[in-house]
């Protein structure tokens, strides 16, 4: 029985993870749950899974959760609810796996705490690896922790590696749906409502906008490089509108191995939680009795400028990936609040990167400082528009 903590349990990844738990009751046990401020949903999860530890990062929501617990017959977590305790939750002696589905760089502390405690991190929080990949890899080596990717693209690569030796890998190919604007010539007049309509996935607003700008793919280029120790010039992106092929690995002999499945996040989640084992999973399977067309095309890197920014950030290294990520978070928030145009997301990220001088990243503190400084710079740029 693997004992797990789910961080971000009320979000889409967290809920899918708990569905995986439901389907594997003899293999997985929930020991801890954490969310931001959705205490009503977390309370329902507590009643169902009876975790020993829970937390909310929003203190007002935490107080409401305590009141809800006190007013019910549920007492199992009453004395173990604690505020702002994500790091404690991630390093409990009683757990084996931390599934980190926290949104944004806020998830970095949890990833670090889990690795320092020698845990397996099922990582859905790509910003952790983007901002501090080399530092986290060092932590994992020194403390015997490990990272198993949950993003569908990186899970696919992880699975494809089983077909050959690492030193025989020629390049990685990340697939992208292309988002809602693949065939749209100009992005100048994109509205918030249009950008939030993803053709293949139902996700939170931030990641949906990242998909529309293809910034999610820029972040995934960096994440793939750090996860798999592959330089950026050996990582390619192809647009694949059907979202059936989740990524590919090309080996030195010309063989290309791909992982295919219908879009369903439960598959990479279950793979990470049960690795190296597999288990039955009720998903919508590919019907091989019907005609199936798979399309691939190169991305328009002039229209989707985020890809160039991702390769640039990876090439410059140090704090630059963290700077890019932080600036993007500010820019996306501004766009969702109707303060800037869609294409100005790219402008703010690029101009923030241009204004950063010292690029060295020696420890997590330097990453946090870079994140804070990038947020300040990006906010100033938004204010000037």
Protein backbone atom coordinates (compact mmCIF):
# COMPACT_ATOMS: atom_id res chain seq x y z
CA UNK A 1 0.00 0.00 0.00
CA UNK A 2 1.48 3.32 -1.10
CA UNK A 3 0.66 6.25 1.16
CA UNK A 4 0.20 9.52 -0.68
CA UNK A 5 -0.33 13.23 -0.14
CA UNK A 6 -2.27 15.16 -2.76
CA UNK A 7 -1.38 18.86 -2.97
CA UNK A 8 -3.97 20.85 -4.88
CA UNK A 9 -6.62 18.22 -4.17
CA UNK A 10 -9.59 20.39 -5.21
CA UNK A 11 -8.17 21.24 -8.64
CA UNK A 12 -8.62 19.19 -11.80
CA UNK A 13 -5.39 17.21 -11.37
CA UNK A 14 -6.08 16.62 -7.68
CA UNK A 15 -9.62 15.41 -8.34
CA UNK A 16 -8.38 13.09 -11.07
CA UNK A 17 -5.74 11.76 -8.67
CA UNK A 18 -8.40 10.96 -6.11
CA UNK A 19 -10.38 9.18 -8.80
CA UNK A 20 -7.29 7.06 -9.43
CA UNK A 21 -7.19 6.31 -5.70
CA UNK A 22 -10.82 5.20 -5.89
CA UNK A 23 -9.93 2.76 -8.64
CA UNK A 24 -6.92 1.38 -6.73
CA UNK A 25 -8.08 1.07 -3.10
CA UNK A 26 -5.77 -1.87 -2.48
CA UNK A 27 -2.72 0.02 -3.76
CA UNK A 28 -3.13 3.67 -2.70
CA UNK A 29 -4.06 5.34 0.59
CA UNK A 30 -4.56 9.09 1.07
CA UNK A 31 -2.68 10.31 4.15
CA UNK A 32 -2.78 14.04 3.44
CA UNK A 33 -4.74 16.58 1.41
CA UNK A 34 -4.02 20.24 0.72
CA UNK A 35 -5.83 22.96 -1.18
CA UNK A 36 -5.79 26.74 -1.44
CA UNK A 37 -9.19 28.02 -0.26
CA UNK A 38 -11.96 25.71 -1.47
CA UNK A 39 -12.73 24.45 2.03
CA UNK A 40 -16.19 23.14 1.11
CA UNK A 41 -14.82 20.71 -1.45
CA UNK A 42 -11.87 19.81 0.76
CA UNK A 43 -14.29 19.05 3.60
CA UNK A 44 -16.14 16.60 1.37
CA UNK A 45 -12.84 14.96 0.47
CA UNK A 46 -11.94 14.70 4.15
CA UNK A 47 -15.22 12.93 4.86
CA UNK A 48 -14.57 10.44 2.06
CA UNK A 49 -10.85 9.73 2.41
CA UNK A 50 -10.35 10.42 6.13
CA UNK A 51 -6.76 11.65 5.78
CA UNK A 52 -4.63 12.06 8.88
CA UNK A 53 -3.41 15.52 7.77
CA UNK A 54 -4.99 18.37 5.85
CA UNK A 55 -4.21 22.02 5.23
CA UNK A 56 -5.37 25.09 3.35
CA UNK A 57 -2.98 27.85 2.31
CA UNK A 58 -5.66 30.54 2.72
CA UNK A 59 -6.00 31.26 6.44
CA UNK A 60 -9.63 32.46 6.26
CA UNK A 61 -10.60 29.28 4.45
CA UNK A 62 -8.68 27.27 7.02
CA UNK A 63 -10.72 28.79 9.83
CA UNK A 64 -13.92 27.96 7.95
CA UNK A 65 -12.71 24.38 7.50
CA UNK A 66 -12.02 24.10 11.22
CA UNK A 67 -15.54 25.32 11.97
CA UNK A 68 -17.02 22.83 9.54
CA UNK A 69 -15.06 20.00 11.12
CA UNK A 70 -16.00 21.06 14.64
CA UNK A 71 -19.66 21.17 13.72
CA UNK A 72 -19.71 17.65 12.33
CA UNK A 73 -19.04 14.14 13.49
CA UNK A 74 -15.70 14.19 11.65
CA UNK A 75 -12.93 14.40 14.22
CA UNK A 76 -10.07 12.51 12.62
CA UNK A 77 -8.34 15.66 11.36
CA UNK A 78 -9.43 18.18 13.99
CA UNK A 79 -6.14 18.26 15.87
CA UNK A 80 -3.91 17.89 12.84
CA UNK A 81 -5.18 20.70 10.63
CA UNK A 82 -2.46 23.32 10.30
CA UNK A 83 -2.14 26.54 8.33
CA UNK A 84 0.61 27.24 5.81
CA UNK A 85 2.03 23.76 6.28
CA UNK A 86 2.56 22.51 2.75
CA UNK A 87 6.21 21.82 3.44
CA UNK A 88 5.38 19.85 6.59
CA UNK A 89 2.77 17.87 4.73
CA UNK A 90 5.25 17.06 1.96
CA UNK A 91 7.88 15.68 4.33
CA UNK A 92 5.83 13.50 6.68
CA UNK A 93 7.58 10.28 7.68
CA UNK A 94 4.40 8.32 7.08
CA UNK A 95 4.10 9.02 3.34
CA UNK A 96 5.71 7.56 0.24
CA UNK A 97 4.54 9.81 -2.60
CA UNK A 98 3.71 13.50 -2.88
CA UNK A 99 1.52 14.39 -5.83
CA UNK A 100 2.21 18.08 -6.38
CA UNK A 101 -0.59 19.72 -8.37
CA UNK A 102 -0.21 23.21 -6.90
CA UNK A 103 -0.45 25.90 -9.57
CA UNK A 104 2.52 28.19 -10.15
CA UNK A 105 5.88 28.69 -8.49
CA UNK A 106 4.11 28.37 -5.13
CA UNK A 107 4.55 24.62 -5.55
CA UNK A 108 8.36 24.84 -5.51
CA UNK A 109 8.71 24.71 -1.72
CA UNK A 110 6.61 21.56 -1.56
CA UNK A 111 8.68 19.84 -4.25
CA UNK A 112 11.90 20.76 -2.47
CA UNK A 113 10.61 19.63 0.94
CA UNK A 114 9.52 16.28 -0.47
CA UNK A 115 12.83 15.65 -2.22
CA UNK A 116 14.84 16.62 0.86
CA UNK A 117 12.81 14.00 2.72
CA UNK A 118 13.62 11.32 0.15
CA UNK A 119 10.08 11.11 -1.22
CA UNK A 120 8.83 10.23 -4.66
CA UNK A 121 7.34 13.36 -6.20
CA UNK A 122 4.62 12.83 -8.79
CA UNK A 123 5.08 16.23 -10.36
CA UNK A 124 2.23 18.07 -12.04
CA UNK A 125 3.60 21.45 -10.96
CA UNK A 126 5.82 22.15 -13.96
CA UNK A 127 6.87 25.53 -12.56
CA UNK A 128 8.96 23.79 -9.87
CA UNK A 129 11.19 22.15 -12.45
CA UNK A 130 11.20 25.16 -14.75
CA UNK A 131 12.30 27.58 -12.05
CA UNK A 132 14.77 25.37 -10.20
CA UNK A 133 15.35 22.16 -12.15
CA UNK A 134 19.11 21.81 -11.58
CA UNK A 135 18.75 22.57 -7.87
CA UNK A 136 15.92 20.07 -7.45
CA UNK A 137 17.83 17.40 -9.34
CA UNK A 138 20.75 17.88 -6.96
CA UNK A 139 18.41 17.56 -3.98
CA UNK A 140 16.97 14.34 -5.38
CA UNK A 141 20.45 12.84 -5.83
CA UNK A 142 21.68 13.86 -2.38
CA UNK A 143 18.58 12.74 -0.47
CA UNK A 144 17.56 9.73 -2.59
CA UNK A 145 14.31 11.31 -3.70
CA UNK A 146 12.90 10.99 -7.20
CA UNK A 147 10.65 12.82 -9.63
CA UNK A 148 8.10 11.12 -11.86
CA UNK A 149 6.39 13.54 -14.28
CA UNK A 150 2.61 13.80 -14.39
CA UNK A 151 2.30 16.22 -17.31
CA UNK A 152 1.01 14.09 -20.18
CA UNK A 153 3.90 15.08 -22.47
CA UNK A 154 6.65 14.31 -20.00
CA UNK A 155 4.94 11.15 -18.78
CA UNK A 156 4.87 10.03 -22.42
CA UNK A 157 8.61 10.65 -22.78
CA UNK A 158 9.26 8.84 -19.50
CA UNK A 159 7.32 5.85 -20.80
CA UNK A 160 9.02 5.92 -24.21
CA UNK A 161 12.45 5.72 -22.56
CA UNK A 162 11.68 2.09 -21.76
CA UNK A 163 12.31 1.30 -25.44
CA UNK A 164 16.05 2.05 -25.35
CA UNK A 165 19.02 3.27 -23.39
CA UNK A 166 19.27 6.91 -22.39
CA UNK A 167 22.56 7.38 -24.20
CA UNK A 168 20.88 6.18 -27.40
CA UNK A 169 18.31 9.01 -27.42
CA UNK A 170 18.73 11.43 -30.32
CA UNK A 171 15.97 13.91 -29.56
CA UNK A 172 12.68 14.47 -27.76
CA UNK A 173 9.57 15.62 -29.59
CA UNK A 174 6.87 17.35 -27.53
CA UNK A 175 3.42 17.51 -29.05
CA UNK A 176 1.06 20.46 -28.79
CA UNK A 177 -2.62 20.64 -29.62
CA UNK A 178 -2.01 24.11 -31.00
CA UNK A 179 -4.66 25.53 -28.72
CA UNK A 180 -7.74 27.42 -29.95
CA UNK A 181 -5.84 29.72 -32.32
CA UNK A 182 -3.91 27.26 -34.46
CA UNK A 183 -5.60 28.37 -37.68
CA UNK A 184 -6.16 31.99 -36.72
CA UNK A 185 -3.89 34.31 -38.69
CA UNK A 186 -3.74 37.23 -36.24
CA UNK A 187 -3.82 37.11 -32.44
CA UNK A 188 -4.15 40.88 -32.00
CA UNK A 189 -7.87 40.90 -31.19
CA UNK A 190 -8.14 37.70 -29.12
CA UNK A 191 -10.59 38.04 -26.23
CA UNK A 192 -10.36 36.43 -22.80
CA UNK A 193 -13.47 34.39 -23.54
CA UNK A 194 -11.99 33.03 -26.77
CA UNK A 195 -8.67 32.18 -25.12
CA UNK A 196 -10.42 30.20 -22.38
CA UNK A 197 -12.02 27.81 -24.89
CA UNK A 198 -9.51 25.00 -25.32
CA UNK A 199 -10.50 22.52 -28.06
CA UNK A 200 -9.38 19.34 -26.29
CA UNK A 201 -8.94 19.91 -22.55
CA UNK A 202 -10.85 21.31 -19.59
CA UNK A 203 -8.34 23.03 -17.29
CA UNK A 204 -7.94 25.98 -14.95
CA UNK A 205 -7.86 29.48 -16.42
CA UNK A 206 -4.11 30.04 -16.07
CA UNK A 207 -3.02 26.85 -17.82
CA UNK A 208 -5.73 27.33 -20.47
CA UNK A 209 -4.30 30.75 -21.36
CA UNK A 210 -0.80 29.22 -21.37
CA UNK A 211 -2.04 26.70 -23.90
CA UNK A 212 -3.53 29.45 -26.05
CA UNK A 213 -0.24 31.39 -26.10
CA UNK A 214 1.74 28.11 -26.28
CA UNK A 215 3.65 29.32 -23.24
CA UNK A 216 2.83 25.95 -21.71
CA UNK A 217 4.97 24.37 -24.40
CA UNK A 218 7.80 26.83 -23.75
CA UNK A 219 7.72 25.81 -20.10
CA UNK A 220 7.60 22.14 -21.09
CA UNK A 221 10.73 22.53 -23.23
CA UNK A 222 12.60 23.74 -20.15
CA UNK A 223 11.01 21.10 -17.93
CA UNK A 224 11.93 18.31 -20.35
CA UNK A 225 15.52 19.50 -20.55
CA UNK A 226 15.90 19.47 -16.76
CA UNK A 227 13.91 16.28 -16.16
CA UNK A 228 15.74 14.21 -18.73
CA UNK A 229 19.11 16.00 -18.94
CA UNK A 230 18.68 16.75 -22.65
CA UNK A 231 19.90 20.08 -24.11
CA UNK A 232 17.38 22.40 -25.72
CA UNK A 233 18.68 21.90 -29.25
CA UNK A 234 17.62 18.24 -28.98
CA UNK A 235 14.05 19.06 -27.96
CA UNK A 236 11.51 19.81 -30.69
CA UNK A 237 7.85 20.82 -30.66
CA UNK A 238 5.28 19.66 -33.20
CA UNK A 239 1.63 20.65 -33.42
CA UNK A 240 -0.69 17.66 -33.24
CA UNK A 241 -4.34 18.83 -33.08
CA UNK A 242 -5.83 15.42 -32.22
CA UNK A 243 -3.92 15.17 -28.90
CA UNK A 244 -3.59 11.40 -29.31
CA UNK A 245 0.21 11.25 -29.50
CA UNK A 246 1.41 12.82 -26.28
CA UNK A 247 5.13 12.91 -27.10
CA UNK A 248 7.79 11.00 -28.99
CA UNK A 249 11.39 9.92 -28.47
CA UNK A 250 13.69 9.49 -31.45
CA UNK A 251 16.67 7.16 -31.02
CA UNK A 252 20.00 7.31 -32.83
CA UNK A 253 19.05 4.51 -35.22
CA UNK A 254 16.07 6.48 -36.55
CA UNK A 255 13.41 4.63 -34.56
CA UNK A 256 10.75 6.92 -33.13
CA UNK A 257 8.77 5.66 -30.14
CA UNK A 258 5.48 7.37 -29.26
CA UNK A 259 2.96 7.10 -26.46
CA UNK A 260 -0.65 7.28 -27.66
CA UNK A 261 -3.94 7.49 -25.78
CA UNK A 262 -7.14 9.47 -25.71
CA UNK A 263 -6.73 12.66 -23.65
CA UNK A 264 -7.31 11.66 -20.03
CA UNK A 265 -5.09 12.95 -17.22
CA UNK A 266 -5.88 9.95 -15.06
CA UNK A 267 -3.54 7.84 -17.19
CA UNK A 268 -0.29 9.75 -16.48
CA UNK A 269 -1.40 10.28 -12.87
CA UNK A 270 -1.95 6.58 -12.30
CA UNK A 271 1.30 5.73 -14.07
CA UNK A 272 3.21 8.05 -11.73
CA UNK A 273 1.51 6.81 -8.56
CA UNK A 274 1.91 3.10 -9.37
CA UNK A 275 5.25 3.20 -11.24
CA UNK A 276 6.76 0.87 -12.35
CA UNK A 277 3.52 -1.11 -12.25
CA UNK A 278 0.44 -0.61 -14.38
CA UNK A 279 -3.18 -1.29 -13.51
CA UNK A 280 -6.48 -1.39 -15.42
CA UNK A 281 -8.02 2.03 -15.98
CA UNK A 282 -11.43 2.74 -17.45
CA UNK A 283 -10.66 5.35 -20.10
CA UNK A 284 -11.97 6.06 -23.57
CA UNK A 285 -9.72 3.83 -25.63
CA UNK A 286 -8.66 4.40 -29.22
CA UNK A 287 -11.00 2.48 -31.52
CA UNK A 288 -8.64 0.83 -33.98
CA UNK A 289 -11.61 -0.50 -36.00
CA UNK A 290 -12.32 3.06 -37.15
CA UNK A 291 -10.29 5.31 -39.42
CA UNK A 292 -7.93 7.55 -37.48
CA UNK A 293 -5.99 10.48 -38.89
CA UNK A 294 -3.02 11.86 -37.00
CA UNK A 295 -1.67 15.22 -38.16
CA UNK A 296 1.68 16.79 -37.36
CA UNK A 297 3.02 20.19 -38.38
CA UNK A 298 5.71 22.58 -37.20
CA UNK A 299 4.55 25.42 -34.94
CA UNK A 300 4.48 29.00 -36.16
CA UNK A 301 7.17 30.40 -33.88
CA UNK A 302 6.57 33.95 -35.10
CA UNK A 303 2.91 33.85 -34.17
CA UNK A 304 3.47 31.90 -30.96
CA UNK A 305 6.52 33.84 -29.74
CA UNK A 306 6.60 32.02 -26.41
CA UNK A 307 8.51 29.12 -27.95
CA UNK A 308 11.47 31.35 -28.83
CA UNK A 309 11.35 32.77 -25.31
CA UNK A 310 11.43 29.26 -23.85
CA UNK A 311 14.49 28.25 -25.85
CA UNK A 312 16.16 31.55 -24.94
CA UNK A 313 15.49 31.10 -21.22
CA UNK A 314 16.88 27.57 -21.31
CA UNK A 315 19.99 28.66 -23.22
CA UNK A 316 20.72 31.52 -20.79
CA UNK A 317 20.00 29.26 -17.80
CA UNK A 318 20.44 30.32 -14.19
CA UNK A 319 17.46 32.31 -12.97
CA UNK A 320 16.17 33.12 -16.47
CA UNK A 321 13.61 30.27 -16.64
CA UNK A 322 12.24 31.43 -13.28
CA UNK A 323 12.10 35.00 -14.56
CA UNK A 324 10.23 33.93 -17.69
CA UNK A 325 7.75 31.90 -15.66
CA UNK A 326 7.13 34.69 -13.12
CA UNK A 327 6.63 37.33 -15.80
CA UNK A 328 4.20 35.05 -17.57
CA UNK A 329 2.16 34.54 -14.41
CA UNK A 330 1.80 38.31 -14.00
CA UNK A 331 1.01 38.83 -17.68
CA UNK A 332 -1.63 36.10 -17.78
CA UNK A 333 -3.29 37.53 -14.66
CA UNK A 334 -3.35 40.97 -16.29
CA UNK A 335 -4.87 39.55 -19.46
CA UNK A 336 -7.57 37.69 -17.51
CA UNK A 337 -8.36 40.97 -15.76
CA UNK A 338 -8.68 42.71 -19.18
CA UNK A 339 -5.71 45.00 -18.45
CA UNK A 340 -3.62 43.97 -21.46
CA UNK A 341 -4.13 42.46 -24.90
CA UNK A 342 -3.40 38.81 -25.63
CA UNK A 343 -0.24 39.52 -27.64
CA UNK A 344 1.07 41.79 -24.91
CA UNK A 345 1.60 38.69 -22.77
CA UNK A 346 4.59 37.94 -25.00
CA UNK A 347 5.79 41.54 -24.82
CA UNK A 348 5.76 41.66 -21.04
CA UNK A 349 7.58 38.35 -20.69
CA UNK A 350 10.26 39.32 -23.20
CA UNK A 351 10.79 42.80 -21.79
CA UNK A 352 11.04 41.42 -18.26
CA UNK A 353 13.69 38.96 -19.40
CA UNK A 354 15.58 41.78 -21.12
CA UNK A 355 15.74 43.77 -17.87
CA UNK A 356 17.33 41.04 -15.75
CA UNK A 357 21.11 41.34 -15.45
CA UNK A 358 22.41 38.87 -12.85
CA UNK A 359 21.41 35.40 -14.05
CA UNK A 360 23.16 33.14 -11.53
CA UNK A 361 21.08 30.60 -9.59
CA UNK A 362 23.01 29.18 -6.66
CA UNK A 363 20.20 28.04 -4.38
CA UNK A 364 16.45 28.24 -3.85
CA UNK A 365 16.73 31.66 -2.22
CA UNK A 366 18.19 33.07 -5.42
CA UNK A 367 15.24 31.56 -7.32
CA UNK A 368 12.73 33.15 -4.92
CA UNK A 369 14.47 36.52 -5.23
CA UNK A 370 14.46 36.26 -9.00
CA UNK A 371 10.78 35.34 -8.97
CA UNK A 372 9.94 38.34 -6.78
CA UNK A 373 12.02 40.73 -8.88
CA UNK A 374 10.52 39.45 -12.14
CA UNK A 375 7.01 39.90 -10.73
CA UNK A 376 7.83 43.48 -9.78
CA UNK A 377 9.27 44.24 -13.21
CA UNK A 378 6.32 42.65 -15.00
CA UNK A 379 3.80 44.50 -12.82
CA UNK A 380 5.54 47.79 -13.64
CA UNK A 381 5.30 46.96 -17.35
CA UNK A 382 1.60 46.15 -17.02
CA UNK A 383 1.02 49.44 -15.19
CA UNK A 384 2.70 51.38 -18.00
CA UNK A 385 0.39 49.97 -20.68
